Amino acid sequence: MKDKRNRICKDGEPIEGKKVLDMVLRRLDIRPENPKASIGLNWQEIIGTRLYPHVKIIDIKGSTLVLKADHPSWAQITMMQQKKILALVQRKYPSLGVKSLQILSV
């Protein structure tokens, strides 16, 4: 059975990944100028390459940035860098009003 959905391509050639990502983000109404979306898009820059694969943003509840670490050790390392992380978030995204971190681990 053939899939009848329209495909996003130009002259039968695939579109660049960045253009496809931009289209998907636009359709989901995720805009880089929105601070909540922007913090997620720049998370690796904020948390650093060492922690990035292990610590993800879950939510922003009030003035608390809720994170999830894939192991208690990564949660502990993140807590040791809490001041640095908070300072970066507060400087880059003051409109979010983040004042504390909460780190969950599995």
PDB file of N, CA and C in Angstrom:
ATOM      1  N   MET A   1       0.844  -1.168   0.000  1.00  0.00           N
ATOM      2  CA  MET A   1       0.000   0.000   0.000  1.00  0.00           C
ATOM      3  C   MET A   1       0.896   1.240   0.000  1.00  0.00           C
ATOM      4  N   LYS A   2       0.582   2.160  -0.848  1.00  0.00           N
ATOM      5  CA  LYS A   2       1.388   3.363  -1.004  1.00  0.00           C
ATOM      6  C   LYS A   2       0.904   4.482  -0.089  1.00  0.00           C
ATOM      7  N   ASP A   3       1.850   5.148   0.517  1.00  0.00           N
ATOM      8  CA  ASP A   3       1.554   6.284   1.382  1.00  0.00           C
ATOM      9  C   ASP A   3       1.165   7.465   0.495  1.00  0.00           C
ATOM     10  N   LYS A   4       0.017   8.079   0.747  1.00  0.00           N
ATOM     11  CA  LYS A   4      -0.474   9.143  -0.126  1.00  0.00           C
ATOM     12  C   LYS A   4      -0.245  10.536   0.430  1.00  0.00           C
ATOM     13  N   ARG A   5       0.505  10.654   1.524  1.00  0.00           N
ATOM     14  CA  ARG A   5       0.770  11.976   2.082  1.00  0.00           C
ATOM     15  C   ARG A   5       1.712  12.758   1.174  1.00  0.00           C
ATOM     16  N   ASN A   6       1.492  14.077   1.153  1.00  0.00           N
ATOM     17  CA  ASN A   6       2.400  14.943   0.400  1.00  0.00           C
ATOM     18  C   ASN A   6       3.764  14.938   1.055  1.00  0.00           C
ATOM     19  N   ARG A   7       4.792  14.933   0.253  1.00  0.00           N
ATOM     20  CA  ARG A   7       6.154  14.950   0.753  1.00  0.00           C
ATOM     21  C   ARG A   7       6.752  16.338   0.589  1.00  0.00           C
ATOM     22  N   ILE A   8       7.633  16.704   1.507  1.00  0.00           N
ATOM     23  CA  ILE A   8       8.268  18.008   1.450  1.00  0.00           C
ATOM     24  C   ILE A   8       9.569  17.846   0.672  1.00  0.00           C
ATOM     25  N   CYS A   9       9.521  18.141  -0.577  1.00  0.00           N
ATOM     26  CA  CYS A   9      10.738  18.060  -1.375  1.00  0.00           C
ATOM     27  C   CYS A   9      10.610  19.011  -2.564  1.00  0.00           C
ATOM     28  N   LYS A  10      11.753  19.305  -3.129  1.00  0.00           N
ATOM     29  CA  LYS A  10      11.789  20.218  -4.256  1.00  0.00           C
ATOM     30  C   LYS A  10      12.349  19.459  -5.453  1.00  0.00           C
ATOM     31  N   ASP A  11      11.562  19.356  -6.477  1.00  0.00           N
ATOM     32  CA  ASP A  11      11.975  18.636  -7.687  1.00  0.00           C
ATOM     33  C   ASP A  11      12.432  17.220  -7.372  1.00  0.00           C
ATOM     34  N   GLY A  12      11.768  16.566  -6.422  1.00  0.00           N
ATOM     35  CA  GLY A  12      12.117  15.200  -6.077  1.00  0.00           C
ATOM     36  C   GLY A  12      13.343  15.060  -5.195  1.00  0.00           C
ATOM     37  N   GLU A  13      13.998  16.161  -4.869  1.00  0.00           N
ATOM     38  CA  GLU A  13      15.198  16.135  -4.032  1.00  0.00           C
ATOM     39  C   GLU A  13      14.819  16.479  -2.592  1.00  0.00           C
ATOM     40  N   PRO A  14      15.444  15.820  -1.621  1.00  0.00           N
ATOM     41  CA  PRO A  14      15.144  16.140  -0.218  1.00  0.00           C
ATOM     42  C   PRO A  14      15.593  17.549   0.157  1.00  0.00           C
ATOM     43  N   ILE A  15      14.904  18.125   1.123  1.00  0.00           N
ATOM     44  CA  ILE A  15      15.236  19.454   1.619  1.00  0.00           C
ATOM     45  C   ILE A  15      16.268  19.309   2.738  1.00  0.00           C
ATOM     46  N   GLU A  16      17.094  20.316   2.918  1.00  0.00           N
ATOM     47  CA  GLU A  16      18.097  20.316   3.982  1.00  0.00           C
ATOM     48  C   GLU A  16      17.433  20.114   5.339  1.00  0.00           C
ATOM     49  N   GLY A  17      18.154  19.444   6.231  1.00  0.00           N
ATOM     50  CA  GLY A  17      17.636  19.157   7.566  1.00  0.00           C
ATOM     51  C   GLY A  17      17.240  20.402   8.333  1.00  0.00           C
ATOM     52  N   LYS A  18      18.037  21.473   8.241  1.00  0.00           N
ATOM     53  CA  LYS A  18      17.728  22.708   8.964  1.00  0.00           C
ATOM     54  C   LYS A  18      16.406  23.300   8.499  1.00  0.00           C
ATOM     55  N   LYS A  19      16.153  23.261   7.189  1.00  0.00           N
ATOM     56  CA  LYS A  19      14.893  23.802   6.672  1.00  0.00           C
ATOM     57  C   LYS A  19      13.706  22.975   7.146  1.00  0.00           C
ATOM     58  N   VAL A  20      13.882  21.658   7.175  1.00  0.00           N
ATOM     59  CA  VAL A  20      12.806  20.790   7.655  1.00  0.00           C
ATOM     60  C   VAL A  20      12.547  21.060   9.139  1.00  0.00           C
ATOM     61  N   LEU A  21      13.618  21.171   9.922  1.00  0.00           N
ATOM     62  CA  LEU A  21      13.468  21.462  11.346  1.00  0.00           C
ATOM     63  C   LEU A  21      12.759  22.792  11.555  1.00  0.00           C
ATOM     64  N   ASP A  22      13.142  23.814  10.809  1.00  0.00           N
ATOM     65  CA  ASP A  22      12.482  25.120  10.913  1.00  0.00           C
ATOM     66  C   ASP A  22      10.990  25.008  10.607  1.00  0.00           C
ATOM     67  N   MET A  23      10.642  24.224   9.580  1.00  0.00           N
ATOM     68  CA  MET A  23       9.234  24.048   9.213  1.00  0.00           C
ATOM     69  C   MET A  23       8.465  23.339  10.327  1.00  0.00           C
ATOM     70  N   VAL A  24       9.077  22.295  10.902  1.00  0.00           N
ATOM     71  CA  VAL A  24       8.418  21.547  11.978  1.00  0.00           C
ATOM     72  C   VAL A  24       8.217  22.440  13.203  1.00  0.00           C
ATOM     73  N   LEU A  25       9.253  23.184  13.574  1.00  0.00           N
ATOM     74  CA  LEU A  25       9.146  24.081  14.726  1.00  0.00           C
ATOM     75  C   LEU A  25       8.072  25.136  14.505  1.00  0.00           C
ATOM     76  N   ARG A  26       7.991  25.662  13.282  1.00  0.00           N
ATOM     77  CA  ARG A  26       6.961  26.652  12.964  1.00  0.00           C
ATOM     78  C   ARG A  26       5.569  26.038  13.095  1.00  0.00           C
ATOM     79  N   ARG A  27       5.403  24.804  12.586  1.00  0.00           N
ATOM     80  CA  ARG A  27       4.097  24.142  12.666  1.00  0.00           C
ATOM     81  C   ARG A  27       3.692  23.844  14.103  1.00  0.00           C
ATOM     82  N   LEU A  28       4.678  23.581  14.959  1.00  0.00           N
ATOM     83  CA  LEU A  28       4.393  23.315  16.370  1.00  0.00           C
ATOM     84  C   LEU A  28       4.339  24.592  17.194  1.00  0.00           C
ATOM     85  N   ASP A  29       4.509  25.730  16.526  1.00  0.00           N
ATOM     86  CA  ASP A  29       4.484  27.051  17.156  1.00  0.00           C
ATOM     87  C   ASP A  29       5.572  27.185  18.230  1.00  0.00           C
ATOM     88  N   ILE A  30       6.759  26.645  17.915  1.00  0.00           N
ATOM     89  CA  ILE A  30       7.916  26.780  18.797  1.00  0.00           C
ATOM     90  C   ILE A  30       8.828  27.797  18.150  1.00  0.00           C
ATOM     91  N   ARG A  31       8.896  28.976  18.765  1.00  0.00           N
ATOM     92  CA  ARG A  31       9.666  30.076  18.184  1.00  0.00           C
ATOM     93  C   ARG A  31      10.905  30.347  19.029  1.00  0.00           C
ATOM     94  N   PRO A  32      12.064  30.542  18.384  1.00  0.00           N
ATOM     95  CA  PRO A  32      13.291  30.816  19.135  1.00  0.00           C
ATOM     96  C   PRO A  32      13.226  32.068  20.001  1.00  0.00           C
ATOM     97  N   GLU A  33      12.372  33.025  19.644  1.00  0.00           N
ATOM     98  CA  GLU A  33      12.281  34.243  20.459  1.00  0.00           C
ATOM     99  C   GLU A  33      11.497  34.022  21.756  1.00  0.00           C
ATOM    100  N   ASN A  34      10.773  32.898  21.859  1.00  0.00           N
ATOM    101  CA  ASN A  34      10.078  32.538  23.088  1.00  0.00           C
ATOM    102  C   ASN A  34      11.130  32.010  24.070  1.00  0.00           C
ATOM    103  N   PRO A  35      11.300  32.635  25.241  1.00  0.00           N
ATOM    104  CA  PRO A  35      12.357  32.219  26.172  1.00  0.00           C
ATOM    105  C   PRO A  35      12.275  30.753  26.599  1.00  0.00           C
ATOM    106  N   LYS A  36      11.056  30.232  26.773  1.00  0.00           N
ATOM    107  CA  LYS A  36      10.928  28.825  27.170  1.00  0.00           C
ATOM    108  C   LYS A  36      11.424  27.889  26.076  1.00  0.00           C
ATOM    109  N   ALA A  37      11.185  28.228  24.834  1.00  0.00           N
ATOM    110  CA  ALA A  37      11.698  27.415  23.732  1.00  0.00           C
ATOM    111  C   ALA A  37      13.192  27.639  23.555  1.00  0.00           C
ATOM    112  N   SER A  38      13.609  28.863  23.688  1.00  0.00           N
ATOM    113  CA  SER A  38      15.009  29.218  23.479  1.00  0.00           C
ATOM    114  C   SER A  38      15.934  28.549  24.491  1.00  0.00           C
ATOM    115  N   ILE A  39      15.500  28.457  25.741  1.00  0.00           N
ATOM    116  CA  ILE A  39      16.341  27.821  26.747  1.00  0.00           C
ATOM    117  C   ILE A  39      16.567  26.347  26.389  1.00  0.00           C
ATOM    118  N   GLY A  40      15.553  25.710  25.858  1.00  0.00           N
ATOM    119  CA  GLY A  40      15.704  24.316  25.423  1.00  0.00           C
ATOM    120  C   GLY A  40      16.627  24.181  24.223  1.00  0.00           C
ATOM    121  N   LEU A  41      16.507  25.107  23.290  1.00  0.00           N
ATOM    122  CA  LEU A  41      17.352  25.075  22.104  1.00  0.00           C
ATOM    123  C   LEU A  41      18.812  25.356  22.439  1.00  0.00           C
ATOM    124  N   ASN A  42      19.065  26.104  23.516  1.00  0.00           N
ATOM    125  CA  ASN A  42      20.433  26.460  23.911  1.00  0.00           C
ATOM    126  C   ASN A  42      20.895  25.716  25.156  1.00  0.00           C
ATOM    127  N   TRP A  43      20.229  24.644  25.522  1.00  0.00           N
ATOM    128  CA  TRP A  43      20.523  23.948  26.764  1.00  0.00           C
ATOM    129  C   TRP A  43      21.966  23.435  26.826  1.00  0.00           C
ATOM    130  N   GLN A  44      22.480  22.902  25.733  1.00  0.00           N
ATOM    131  CA  GLN A  44      23.858  22.386  25.739  1.00  0.00           C
ATOM    132  C   GLN A  44      24.863  23.492  26.063  1.00  0.00           C
ATOM    133  N   GLU A  45      24.634  24.664  25.517  1.00  0.00           N
ATOM    134  CA  GLU A  45      25.504  25.808  25.789  1.00  0.00           C
ATOM    135  C   GLU A  45      25.435  26.214  27.266  1.00  0.00           C
ATOM    136  N   ILE A  46      24.265  26.099  27.861  1.00  0.00           N
ATOM    137  CA  ILE A  46      24.074  26.497  29.256  1.00  0.00           C
ATOM    138  C   ILE A  46      24.693  25.475  30.207  1.00  0.00           C
ATOM    139  N   ILE A  47      24.398  24.206  29.992  1.00  0.00           N
ATOM    140  CA  ILE A  47      24.796  23.176  30.957  1.00  0.00           C
ATOM    141  C   ILE A  47      26.192  22.620  30.672  1.00  0.00           C
ATOM    142  N   GLY A  48      26.658  22.750  29.453  1.00  0.00           N
ATOM    143  CA  GLY A  48      27.986  22.244  29.108  1.00  0.00           C
ATOM    144  C   GLY A  48      27.919  20.877  28.439  1.00  0.00           C
ATOM    145  N   THR A  49      28.929  20.581  27.655  1.00  0.00           N
ATOM    146  CA  THR A  49      28.922  19.337  26.870  1.00  0.00           C
ATOM    147  C   THR A  49      29.049  18.085  27.739  1.00  0.00           C
ATOM    148  N   ARG A  50      29.654  18.213  28.901  1.00  0.00           N
ATOM    149  CA  ARG A  50      29.821  17.058  29.781  1.00  0.00           C
ATOM    150  C   ARG A  50      28.481  16.611  30.383  1.00  0.00           C
ATOM    151  N   LEU A  51      27.673  17.562  30.827  1.00  0.00           N
ATOM    152  CA  LEU A  51      26.397  17.234  31.467  1.00  0.00           C
ATOM    153  C   LEU A  51      25.243  17.074  30.474  1.00  0.00           C
ATOM    154  N   TYR A  52      25.368  17.690  29.315  1.00  0.00           N
ATOM    155  CA  TYR A  52      24.262  17.748  28.357  1.00  0.00           C
ATOM    156  C   TYR A  52      23.614  16.386  28.049  1.00  0.00           C
ATOM    157  N   PRO A  53      24.387  15.324  27.807  1.00  0.00           N
ATOM    158  CA  PRO A  53      23.719  14.046  27.497  1.00  0.00           C
ATOM    159  C   PRO A  53      22.967  13.435  28.681  1.00  0.00           C
ATOM    160  N   HIS A  54      23.227  13.933  29.885  1.00  0.00           N
ATOM    161  CA  HIS A  54      22.698  13.291  31.089  1.00  0.00           C
ATOM    162  C   HIS A  54      21.646  14.100  31.839  1.00  0.00           C
ATOM    163  N   VAL A  55      21.528  15.399  31.543  1.00  0.00           N
ATOM    164  CA  VAL A  55      20.605  16.269  32.292  1.00  0.00           C
ATOM    165  C   VAL A  55      19.723  17.026  31.306  1.00  0.00           C
ATOM    166  N   LYS A  56      18.413  16.856  31.439  1.00  0.00           N
ATOM    167  CA  LYS A  56      17.455  17.476  30.529  1.00  0.00           C
ATOM    168  C   LYS A  56      16.474  18.367  31.292  1.00  0.00           C
ATOM    169  N   ILE A  57      15.949  19.355  30.604  1.00  0.00           N
ATOM    170  CA  ILE A  57      14.918  20.222  31.184  1.00  0.00           C
ATOM    171  C   ILE A  57      13.580  19.492  31.129  1.00  0.00           C
ATOM    172  N   ILE A  58      12.891  19.475  32.251  1.00  0.00           N
ATOM    173  CA  ILE A  58      11.562  18.853  32.311  1.00  0.00           C
ATOM    174  C   ILE A  58      10.471  19.916  32.273  1.00  0.00           C
ATOM    175  N   ASP A  59      10.655  20.983  33.064  1.00  0.00           N
ATOM    176  CA  ASP A  59       9.593  21.991  33.189  1.00  0.00           C
ATOM    177  C   ASP A  59      10.150  23.234  33.874  1.00  0.00           C
ATOM    178  N   ILE A  60       9.380  24.283  33.817  1.00  0.00           N
ATOM    179  CA  ILE A  60       9.645  25.471  34.622  1.00  0.00           C
ATOM    180  C   ILE A  60       8.386  25.702  35.442  1.00  0.00           C
ATOM    181  N   LYS A  61       8.491  25.475  36.744  1.00  0.00           N
ATOM    182  CA  LYS A  61       7.351  25.631  37.655  1.00  0.00           C
ATOM    183  C   LYS A  61       7.591  26.851  38.513  1.00  0.00           C
ATOM    184  N   GLY A  62       6.847  27.896  38.235  1.00  0.00           N
ATOM    185  CA  GLY A  62       7.041  29.151  38.963  1.00  0.00           C
ATOM    186  C   GLY A  62       8.433  29.685  38.699  1.00  0.00           C
ATOM    187  N   SER A  63       9.236  29.770  39.749  1.00  0.00           N
ATOM    188  CA  SER A  63      10.603  30.269  39.587  1.00  0.00           C
ATOM    189  C   SER A  63      11.632  29.143  39.673  1.00  0.00           C
ATOM    190  N   THR A  64      11.168  27.897  39.507  1.00  0.00           N
ATOM    191  CA  THR A  64      12.048  26.737  39.615  1.00  0.00           C
ATOM    192  C   THR A  64      12.199  26.045  38.264  1.00  0.00           C
ATOM    193  N   LEU A  65      13.440  25.850  37.867  1.00  0.00           N
ATOM    194  CA  LEU A  65      13.757  25.092  36.654  1.00  0.00           C
ATOM    195  C   LEU A  65      13.900  23.635  37.070  1.00  0.00           C
ATOM    196  N   VAL A  66      13.012  22.783  36.569  1.00  0.00           N
ATOM    197  CA  VAL A  66      13.005  21.370  36.942  1.00  0.00           C
ATOM    198  C   VAL A  66      13.802  20.578  35.900  1.00  0.00           C
ATOM    199  N   LEU A  67      14.802  19.851  36.389  1.00  0.00           N
ATOM    200  CA  LEU A  67      15.687  19.072  35.526  1.00  0.00           C
ATOM    201  C   LEU A  67      15.584  17.599  35.889  1.00  0.00           C
ATOM    202  N   LYS A  68      15.980  16.747  34.953  1.00  0.00           N
ATOM    203  CA  LYS A  68      16.010  15.313  35.217  1.00  0.00           C
ATOM    204  C   LYS A  68      17.355  14.768  34.776  1.00  0.00           C
ATOM    205  N   ALA A  69      18.037  14.084  35.702  1.00  0.00           N
ATOM    206  CA  ALA A  69      19.323  13.468  35.415  1.00  0.00           C
ATOM    207  C   ALA A  69      19.110  11.960  35.246  1.00  0.00           C
ATOM    208  N   ASP A  70      19.905  11.356  34.375  1.00  0.00           N
ATOM    209  CA  ASP A  70      19.736   9.926  34.125  1.00  0.00           C
ATOM    210  C   ASP A  70      20.430   9.034  35.167  1.00  0.00           C
ATOM    211  N   HIS A  71      21.105   9.654  36.136  1.00  0.00           N
ATOM    212  CA  HIS A  71      21.755   8.902  37.208  1.00  0.00           C
ATOM    213  C   HIS A  71      21.986   9.858  38.385  1.00  0.00           C
ATOM    214  N   PRO A  72      21.884   9.360  39.607  1.00  0.00           N
ATOM    215  CA  PRO A  72      22.091  10.236  40.769  1.00  0.00           C
ATOM    216  C   PRO A  72      23.454  10.943  40.773  1.00  0.00           C
ATOM    217  N   SER A  73      24.470  10.311  40.218  1.00  0.00           N
ATOM    218  CA  SER A  73      25.788  10.965  40.162  1.00  0.00           C
ATOM    219  C   SER A  73      25.747  12.229  39.317  1.00  0.00           C
ATOM    220  N   TRP A  74      25.035  12.183  38.182  1.00  0.00           N
ATOM    221  CA  TRP A  74      24.924  13.357  37.313  1.00  0.00           C
ATOM    222  C   TRP A  74      24.084  14.434  37.998  1.00  0.00           C
ATOM    223  N   ALA A  75      23.100  14.020  38.770  1.00  0.00           N
ATOM    224  CA  ALA A  75      22.298  14.996  39.525  1.00  0.00           C
ATOM    225  C   ALA A  75      23.178  15.712  40.545  1.00  0.00           C
ATOM    226  N   GLN A  76      24.065  14.967  41.210  1.00  0.00           N
ATOM    227  CA  GLN A  76      24.954  15.556  42.202  1.00  0.00           C
ATOM    228  C   GLN A  76      25.944  16.528  41.557  1.00  0.00           C
ATOM    229  N   ILE A  77      26.505  16.152  40.426  1.00  0.00           N
ATOM    230  CA  ILE A  77      27.441  17.029  39.708  1.00  0.00           C
ATOM    231  C   ILE A  77      26.725  18.306  39.271  1.00  0.00           C
ATOM    232  N   THR A  78      25.492  18.159  38.823  1.00  0.00           N
ATOM    233  CA  THR A  78      24.701  19.325  38.411  1.00  0.00           C
ATOM    234  C   THR A  78      24.448  20.246  39.602  1.00  0.00           C
ATOM    235  N   MET A  79      24.141  19.673  40.751  1.00  0.00           N
ATOM    236  CA  MET A  79      23.905  20.496  41.945  1.00  0.00           C
ATOM    237  C   MET A  79      25.172  21.250  42.349  1.00  0.00           C
ATOM    238  N   MET A  80      26.338  20.644  42.115  1.00  0.00           N
ATOM    239  CA  MET A  80      27.587  21.335  42.437  1.00  0.00           C
ATOM    240  C   MET A  80      27.817  22.530  41.503  1.00  0.00           C
ATOM    241  N   GLN A  81      27.197  22.496  40.325  1.00  0.00           N
ATOM    242  CA  GLN A  81      27.324  23.595  39.373  1.00  0.00           C
ATOM    243  C   GLN A  81      26.079  24.480  39.346  1.00  0.00           C
ATOM    244  N   GLN A  82      25.238  24.333  40.339  1.00  0.00           N
ATOM    245  CA  GLN A  82      23.965  25.044  40.392  1.00  0.00           C
ATOM    246  C   GLN A  82      24.128  26.557  40.273  1.00  0.00           C
ATOM    247  N   LYS A  83      25.057  27.152  40.995  1.00  0.00           N
ATOM    248  CA  LYS A  83      25.226  28.608  40.944  1.00  0.00           C
ATOM    249  C   LYS A  83      25.580  29.073  39.542  1.00  0.00           C
ATOM    250  N   LYS A  84      26.471  28.364  38.880  1.00  0.00           N
ATOM    251  CA  LYS A  84      26.890  28.717  37.525  1.00  0.00           C
ATOM    252  C   LYS A  84      25.711  28.598  36.545  1.00  0.00           C
ATOM    253  N   ILE A  85      24.967  27.513  36.652  1.00  0.00           N
ATOM    254  CA  ILE A  85      23.824  27.282  35.763  1.00  0.00           C
ATOM    255  C   ILE A  85      22.764  28.364  35.971  1.00  0.00           C
ATOM    256  N   LEU A  86      22.437  28.643  37.235  1.00  0.00           N
ATOM    257  CA  LEU A  86      21.439  29.669  37.540  1.00  0.00           C
ATOM    258  C   LEU A  86      21.880  31.045  37.038  1.00  0.00           C
ATOM    259  N   ALA A  87      23.150  31.364  37.219  1.00  0.00           N
ATOM    260  CA  ALA A  87      23.650  32.668  36.757  1.00  0.00           C
ATOM    261  C   ALA A  87      23.501  32.799  35.245  1.00  0.00           C
ATOM    262  N   LEU A  88      23.831  31.742  34.506  1.00  0.00           N
ATOM    263  CA  LEU A  88      23.688  31.787  33.043  1.00  0.00           C
ATOM    264  C   LEU A  88      22.228  31.929  32.626  1.00  0.00           C
ATOM    265  N   VAL A  89      21.356  31.146  33.256  1.00  0.00           N
ATOM    266  CA  VAL A  89      19.923  31.199  32.915  1.00  0.00           C
ATOM    267  C   VAL A  89      19.361  32.581  33.242  1.00  0.00           C
ATOM    268  N   GLN A  90      19.707  33.117  34.404  1.00  0.00           N
ATOM    269  CA  GLN A  90      19.188  34.422  34.802  1.00  0.00           C
ATOM    270  C   GLN A  90      19.712  35.532  33.899  1.00  0.00           C
ATOM    271  N   ARG A  91      20.954  35.410  33.451  1.00  0.00           N
ATOM    272  CA  ARG A  91      21.520  36.438  32.565  1.00  0.00           C
ATOM    273  C   ARG A  91      20.926  36.366  31.158  1.00  0.00           C
ATOM    274  N   LYS A  92      20.780  35.141  30.623  1.00  0.00           N
ATOM    275  CA  LYS A  92      20.286  34.988  29.252  1.00  0.00           C
ATOM    276  C   LYS A  92      18.765  35.067  29.144  1.00  0.00           C
ATOM    277  N   TYR A  93      18.056  34.644  30.205  1.00  0.00           N
ATOM    278  CA  TYR A  93      16.591  34.578  30.158  1.00  0.00           C
ATOM    279  C   TYR A  93      15.980  35.189  31.417  1.00  0.00           C
ATOM    280  N   PRO A  94      16.198  36.478  31.646  1.00  0.00           N
ATOM    281  CA  PRO A  94      15.666  37.107  32.868  1.00  0.00           C
ATOM    282  C   PRO A  94      14.137  37.078  32.937  1.00  0.00           C
ATOM    283  N   SER A  95      13.468  37.062  31.789  1.00  0.00           N
ATOM    284  CA  SER A  95      12.002  37.082  31.786  1.00  0.00           C
ATOM    285  C   SER A  95      11.398  35.793  32.352  1.00  0.00           C
ATOM    286  N   LEU A  96      12.177  34.705  32.406  1.00  0.00           N
ATOM    287  CA  LEU A  96      11.658  33.455  32.968  1.00  0.00           C
ATOM    288  C   LEU A  96      11.583  33.506  34.492  1.00  0.00           C
ATOM    289  N   GLY A  97      12.370  34.367  35.110  1.00  0.00           N
ATOM    290  CA  GLY A  97      12.336  34.511  36.569  1.00  0.00           C
ATOM    291  C   GLY A  97      12.826  33.292  37.332  1.00  0.00           C
ATOM    292  N   VAL A  98      13.726  32.521  36.744  1.00  0.00           N
ATOM    293  CA  VAL A  98      14.243  31.314  37.400  1.00  0.00           C
ATOM    294  C   VAL A  98      15.162  31.706  38.548  1.00  0.00           C
ATOM    295  N   LYS A  99      14.858  31.156  39.735  1.00  0.00           N
ATOM    296  CA  LYS A  99      15.654  31.465  40.931  1.00  0.00           C
ATOM    297  C   LYS A  99      16.226  30.215  41.588  1.00  0.00           C
ATOM    298  N   SER A 100      15.728  29.039  41.180  1.00  0.00           N
ATOM    299  CA  SER A 100      16.220  27.810  41.794  1.00  0.00           C
ATOM    300  C   SER A 100      16.142  26.643  40.812  1.00  0.00           C
ATOM    301  N   LEU A 101      16.891  25.597  41.151  1.00  0.00           N
ATOM    302  CA  LEU A 101      16.877  24.370  40.361  1.00  0.00           C
ATOM    303  C   LEU A 101      16.317  23.235  41.215  1.00  0.00           C
ATOM    304  N   GLN A 102      15.596  22.348  40.569  1.00  0.00           N
ATOM    305  CA  GLN A 102      15.170  21.107  41.202  1.00  0.00           C
ATOM    306  C   GLN A 102      15.638  20.004  40.266  1.00  0.00           C
ATOM    307  N   ILE A 103      16.376  19.050  40.813  1.00  0.00           N
ATOM    308  CA  ILE A 103      16.913  17.993  39.960  1.00  0.00           C
ATOM    309  C   ILE A 103      16.361  16.649  40.406  1.00  0.00           C
ATOM    310  N   LEU A 104      15.692  15.991  39.482  1.00  0.00           N
ATOM    311  CA  LEU A 104      15.161  14.643  39.708  1.00  0.00           C
ATOM    312  C   LEU A 104      16.139  13.658  39.088  1.00  0.00           C
ATOM    313  N   SER A 105      16.228  12.459  39.645  1.00  0.00           N
ATOM    314  CA  SER A 105      17.064  11.443  39.020  1.00  0.00           C
ATOM    315  C   SER A 105      16.336  10.096  39.061  1.00  0.00           C
ATOM    316  N   VAL A 106      16.748   9.242  38.177  1.00  0.00           N
ATOM    317  CA  VAL A 106      16.102   7.922  38.091  1.00  0.00           C
ATOM    318  C   VAL A 106      16.857   6.895  38.885  1.00  0.00           C
TER     319      VAL A 106
END
